[in-house]
């Protein structure tokens, strides 16, 4: 039987109790088919009330993590690790999840640039060059929109990576961030600065200079972070918009 004595004292925090048990399963300290201590003992080990413990066990039962066998006790069910990890991911708040999305974009864009340099053909370079001209056209002619021009540039980079899955991921992440990116582009002077940053990325790719290209894409995305400011209200608003879009997909 695993040692529950290292669990932190928790007063009335049923979610924290459930989280602790889930962590023990992930670490292999609790295994499928294993029986949990009875409720009085378990409540004493955690230093919580029986009511808080029952709430935690009910939540775990609803997730399919445990099963309660009348007259026999509570047992850990066989559950795929991926399902458990998926449940753990929802513990983060909206602000943290949105920042995670930005972090994923930074990783994706860096990998896109690396592969575009490694695999990009002359035809790919021409497509990127064409996309690079869209933002100045948006400024002078009003079409396409600045957001469309910006998205087209980043997607042309992703196409040059010649990885279908990476392209789809880049497209989806950019679309999820659409509202934040639109607000960013509307800030005074941002469109002209964005164009200069795109040109720096493009020049480094043309020169097949990976170090310079990675620095350029990082500088571009860091500037996006600064422009957005990552104010808590902005983050929550943007994340709620993202969740609505996911629900409509």
Protein backbone atom coordinates (compact mmCIF):
# COMPACT_ATOMS: atom_id res chain seq x y z
CA UNK A 1 0.00 0.00 0.00
CA UNK A 2 1.42 3.43 -0.93
CA UNK A 3 2.26 5.89 1.81
CA UNK A 4 -0.28 8.72 1.97
CA UNK A 5 1.47 10.31 4.94
CA UNK A 6 3.48 12.63 2.68
CA UNK A 7 0.29 14.26 1.41
CA UNK A 8 0.04 17.88 2.54
CA UNK A 9 -2.63 18.66 5.16
CA UNK A 10 -5.66 19.93 3.27
CA UNK A 11 -8.73 21.50 4.81
CA UNK A 12 -11.89 21.06 2.75
CA UNK A 13 -10.03 21.01 -0.60
CA UNK A 14 -11.64 18.04 -2.34
CA UNK A 15 -10.12 18.98 -5.70
CA UNK A 16 -6.63 18.92 -4.20
CA UNK A 17 -7.25 15.48 -2.69
CA UNK A 18 -8.40 14.13 -6.07
CA UNK A 19 -5.37 15.72 -7.71
CA UNK A 20 -3.02 14.09 -5.21
CA UNK A 21 -4.49 10.65 -5.87
CA UNK A 22 -4.25 11.20 -9.64
CA UNK A 23 -0.60 12.16 -9.26
CA UNK A 24 0.06 8.99 -7.27
CA UNK A 25 -1.47 6.94 -10.11
CA UNK A 26 0.71 8.71 -12.68
CA UNK A 27 3.81 8.07 -10.60
CA UNK A 28 2.92 4.39 -10.30
CA UNK A 29 2.46 4.59 -6.53
CA UNK A 30 -1.15 3.51 -7.01
CA UNK A 31 -1.79 0.76 -9.56
CA UNK A 32 -4.89 -0.50 -11.39
CA UNK A 33 -6.82 -2.95 -9.24
CA UNK A 34 -5.30 -1.66 -6.01
CA UNK A 35 -7.66 -1.04 -3.09
CA UNK A 36 -7.64 2.31 -1.31
CA UNK A 37 -7.70 2.50 2.49
CA UNK A 38 -11.18 2.81 4.01
CA UNK A 39 -12.68 6.29 4.26
CA UNK A 40 -11.91 6.99 7.96
CA UNK A 41 -8.26 5.97 7.52
CA UNK A 42 -7.89 7.87 4.25
CA UNK A 43 -9.45 11.02 5.71
CA UNK A 44 -7.07 10.81 8.66
CA UNK A 45 -4.05 10.33 6.36
CA UNK A 46 -4.96 13.43 4.38
CA UNK A 47 -5.98 15.38 7.47
CA UNK A 48 -9.40 16.26 6.05
CA UNK A 49 -13.03 15.77 6.92
CA UNK A 50 -14.96 12.72 5.73
CA UNK A 51 -17.17 15.09 3.70
CA UNK A 52 -14.23 16.54 1.76
CA UNK A 53 -12.87 13.06 1.13
CA UNK A 54 -16.23 11.82 -0.18
CA UNK A 55 -16.40 14.77 -2.59
CA UNK A 56 -12.93 13.90 -3.90
CA UNK A 57 -13.81 10.22 -4.32
CA UNK A 58 -17.07 11.11 -6.07
CA UNK A 59 -15.14 13.31 -8.52
CA UNK A 60 -12.66 10.49 -9.20
CA UNK A 61 -15.52 8.04 -9.71
CA UNK A 62 -17.20 10.41 -12.17
CA UNK A 63 -13.96 10.53 -14.17
CA UNK A 64 -13.80 6.74 -14.23
CA UNK A 65 -10.57 6.65 -12.23
CA UNK A 66 -11.91 4.64 -9.27
CA UNK A 67 -14.77 2.23 -8.70
CA UNK A 68 -16.59 1.64 -5.45
CA UNK A 69 -17.56 -1.99 -4.86
CA UNK A 70 -20.31 -2.34 -2.25
CA UNK A 71 -19.06 -4.17 0.81
CA UNK A 72 -15.56 -4.53 -0.67
CA UNK A 73 -14.10 -1.03 -0.81
CA UNK A 74 -12.76 1.48 -3.36
CA UNK A 75 -10.41 0.35 -6.13
CA UNK A 76 -8.29 2.00 -8.81
CA UNK A 77 -9.72 1.28 -12.24
CA UNK A 78 -7.70 0.47 -15.33
CA UNK A 79 -7.48 3.75 -17.21
CA UNK A 80 -5.29 4.76 -20.10
CA UNK A 81 -2.48 7.10 -19.11
CA UNK A 82 -3.45 9.48 -21.93
CA UNK A 83 -6.94 9.88 -20.46
CA UNK A 84 -5.53 10.71 -17.04
CA UNK A 85 -3.07 13.21 -18.46
CA UNK A 86 -5.87 14.85 -20.45
CA UNK A 87 -7.82 15.33 -17.25
CA UNK A 88 -4.83 16.82 -15.47
CA UNK A 89 -4.39 19.43 -18.21
CA UNK A 90 -7.71 21.03 -17.29
CA UNK A 91 -6.38 22.10 -13.88
CA UNK A 92 -4.78 25.20 -15.32
CA UNK A 93 -6.63 28.50 -15.34
CA UNK A 94 -7.58 30.39 -18.50
CA UNK A 95 -4.62 32.78 -18.25
CA UNK A 96 -2.09 29.95 -17.94
CA UNK A 97 -3.66 28.00 -20.80
CA UNK A 98 -3.57 31.02 -23.08
CA UNK A 99 0.09 31.61 -22.27
CA UNK A 100 0.65 27.92 -23.07
CA UNK A 101 -0.89 28.55 -26.49
CA UNK A 102 1.53 31.42 -27.11
CA UNK A 103 4.40 29.18 -26.05
CA UNK A 104 3.29 26.50 -28.51
CA UNK A 105 3.21 29.09 -31.29
CA UNK A 106 6.78 30.14 -30.50
CA UNK A 107 7.97 26.54 -30.67
CA UNK A 108 6.06 25.86 -33.89
CA UNK A 109 7.30 28.99 -35.64
CA UNK A 110 10.90 28.22 -34.69
CA UNK A 111 10.61 24.69 -36.06
CA UNK A 112 8.91 26.02 -39.21
CA UNK A 113 11.80 28.40 -39.84
CA UNK A 114 14.35 25.64 -39.27
CA UNK A 115 12.66 23.29 -41.75
CA UNK A 116 12.00 26.06 -44.27
CA UNK A 117 15.74 26.73 -44.40
CA UNK A 118 16.51 23.02 -44.67
CA UNK A 119 13.81 22.07 -47.20
CA UNK A 120 12.57 25.23 -48.87
CA UNK A 121 12.75 25.22 -52.67
CA UNK A 122 13.20 28.26 -54.95
CA UNK A 123 9.45 28.07 -55.60
CA UNK A 124 8.78 28.17 -51.84
CA UNK A 125 11.00 31.23 -51.51
CA UNK A 126 8.99 32.96 -54.24
CA UNK A 127 5.75 32.20 -52.41
CA UNK A 128 7.17 33.69 -49.22
CA UNK A 129 8.35 36.73 -51.18
CA UNK A 130 4.85 37.18 -52.64
CA UNK A 131 3.28 36.88 -49.20
CA UNK A 132 5.75 39.45 -47.89
CA UNK A 133 4.25 42.03 -50.28
CA UNK A 134 0.72 41.62 -48.94
CA UNK A 135 1.14 43.71 -45.81
CA UNK A 136 2.36 46.83 -47.68
CA UNK A 137 -0.58 46.33 -50.07
CA UNK A 138 -2.93 46.12 -47.10
CA UNK A 139 -1.52 49.41 -45.86
CA UNK A 140 -1.82 51.21 -49.21
CA UNK A 141 -4.89 49.59 -50.77
CA UNK A 142 -6.80 48.24 -47.80
CA UNK A 143 -6.94 44.73 -49.23
CA UNK A 144 -6.26 42.11 -48.08
CA UNK A 145 -6.79 42.93 -44.42
CA UNK A 146 -3.62 43.29 -42.31
CA UNK A 147 -4.58 40.15 -40.40
CA UNK A 148 -4.96 38.14 -43.62
CA UNK A 149 -1.63 39.46 -44.90
CA UNK A 150 0.13 38.56 -41.66
CA UNK A 151 -1.41 35.08 -41.61
CA UNK A 152 -0.49 34.49 -45.26
CA UNK A 153 3.17 35.26 -44.54
CA UNK A 154 3.36 32.82 -41.62
CA UNK A 155 1.52 30.10 -43.54
CA UNK A 156 3.84 30.51 -46.51
CA UNK A 157 6.72 29.79 -44.12
CA UNK A 158 4.89 26.71 -42.85
CA UNK A 159 4.34 25.45 -46.41
CA UNK A 160 8.06 25.75 -47.06
CA UNK A 161 8.70 23.34 -44.17
CA UNK A 162 7.11 20.54 -46.25
CA UNK A 163 5.51 18.87 -43.26
CA UNK A 164 1.73 18.50 -43.58
CA UNK A 165 1.08 17.99 -39.87
CA UNK A 166 3.28 20.93 -38.89
CA UNK A 167 1.45 23.11 -41.43
CA UNK A 168 -1.94 22.16 -40.00
CA UNK A 169 -0.77 22.81 -36.46
CA UNK A 170 0.66 26.21 -37.44
CA UNK A 171 -2.57 27.15 -39.20
CA UNK A 172 -4.75 26.09 -36.26
CA UNK A 173 -2.61 27.85 -33.65
CA UNK A 174 -2.52 31.06 -35.71
CA UNK A 175 -6.29 30.95 -36.12
CA UNK A 176 -6.83 30.41 -32.39
CA UNK A 177 -4.71 33.51 -31.73
CA UNK A 178 -6.55 35.55 -34.36
CA UNK A 179 -8.25 37.99 -31.98
CA UNK A 180 -5.07 38.82 -30.06
CA UNK A 181 -3.08 39.20 -33.29
CA UNK A 182 -5.73 41.50 -34.74
CA UNK A 183 -5.57 43.75 -31.67
CA UNK A 184 -1.79 43.73 -31.83
CA UNK A 185 -1.68 44.76 -35.49
CA UNK A 186 -4.02 47.67 -34.84
CA UNK A 187 -1.65 49.34 -32.37
CA UNK A 188 0.02 52.52 -33.71
CA UNK A 189 3.11 51.78 -35.78
CA UNK A 190 2.75 48.03 -35.39
CA UNK A 191 2.05 47.24 -39.06
CA UNK A 192 5.23 48.91 -40.27
CA UNK A 193 7.26 47.26 -37.52
CA UNK A 194 5.69 43.89 -38.32
CA UNK A 195 6.71 44.27 -41.95
CA UNK A 196 10.32 44.98 -40.96
CA UNK A 197 10.33 41.91 -38.72
CA UNK A 198 8.93 39.76 -41.54
CA UNK A 199 11.60 41.08 -43.89
CA UNK A 200 14.32 40.16 -41.39
CA UNK A 201 12.95 36.62 -41.14
CA UNK A 202 12.73 36.31 -44.92
CA UNK A 203 16.25 37.63 -45.49
CA UNK A 204 17.70 35.11 -43.04
CA UNK A 205 15.82 32.26 -44.73
CA UNK A 206 17.06 33.36 -48.15
CA UNK A 207 20.63 33.32 -46.79
CA UNK A 208 20.02 29.90 -45.19
CA UNK A 209 21.23 31.42 -41.94
CA UNK A 210 19.48 29.40 -39.23
CA UNK A 211 20.92 31.25 -36.25
CA UNK A 212 19.86 34.63 -37.67
CA UNK A 213 16.45 33.31 -38.69
CA UNK A 214 15.73 31.90 -35.24
CA UNK A 215 16.75 35.18 -33.62
CA UNK A 216 14.51 37.06 -36.06
CA UNK A 217 11.45 34.90 -35.42
CA UNK A 218 12.03 35.06 -31.67
CA UNK A 219 12.34 38.85 -31.79
CA UNK A 220 9.13 39.03 -33.83
CA UNK A 221 7.12 36.89 -31.42
CA UNK A 222 8.58 38.60 -28.35
CA UNK A 223 7.43 41.91 -29.80
CA UNK A 224 3.94 40.45 -30.23
CA UNK A 225 3.97 39.55 -26.52
CA UNK A 226 5.06 43.06 -25.57
CA UNK A 227 2.45 44.71 -27.77
CA UNK A 228 -0.35 42.59 -26.36
CA UNK A 229 0.99 43.34 -22.88
CA UNK A 230 -0.55 40.10 -21.64
CA UNK A 231 -2.86 42.04 -19.36
CA UNK A 232 -5.01 39.58 -17.38
CA UNK A 233 -8.23 40.96 -18.88
CA UNK A 234 -6.82 40.66 -22.40
CA UNK A 235 -5.78 37.08 -21.78
CA UNK A 236 -9.10 35.98 -20.32
CA UNK A 237 -11.06 37.73 -23.07
CA UNK A 238 -8.92 36.20 -25.81
CA UNK A 239 -9.06 32.74 -24.26
CA UNK A 240 -12.84 32.82 -23.96
CA UNK A 241 -13.04 33.76 -27.65
CA UNK A 242 -10.72 30.85 -28.44
CA UNK A 243 -12.92 28.41 -26.49
CA UNK A 244 -16.03 29.64 -28.32
CA UNK A 245 -14.32 29.03 -31.64
CA UNK A 246 -13.29 25.54 -30.57
CA UNK A 247 -16.89 24.79 -29.61
CA UNK A 248 -18.07 25.87 -33.05
CA UNK A 249 -15.47 23.74 -34.85
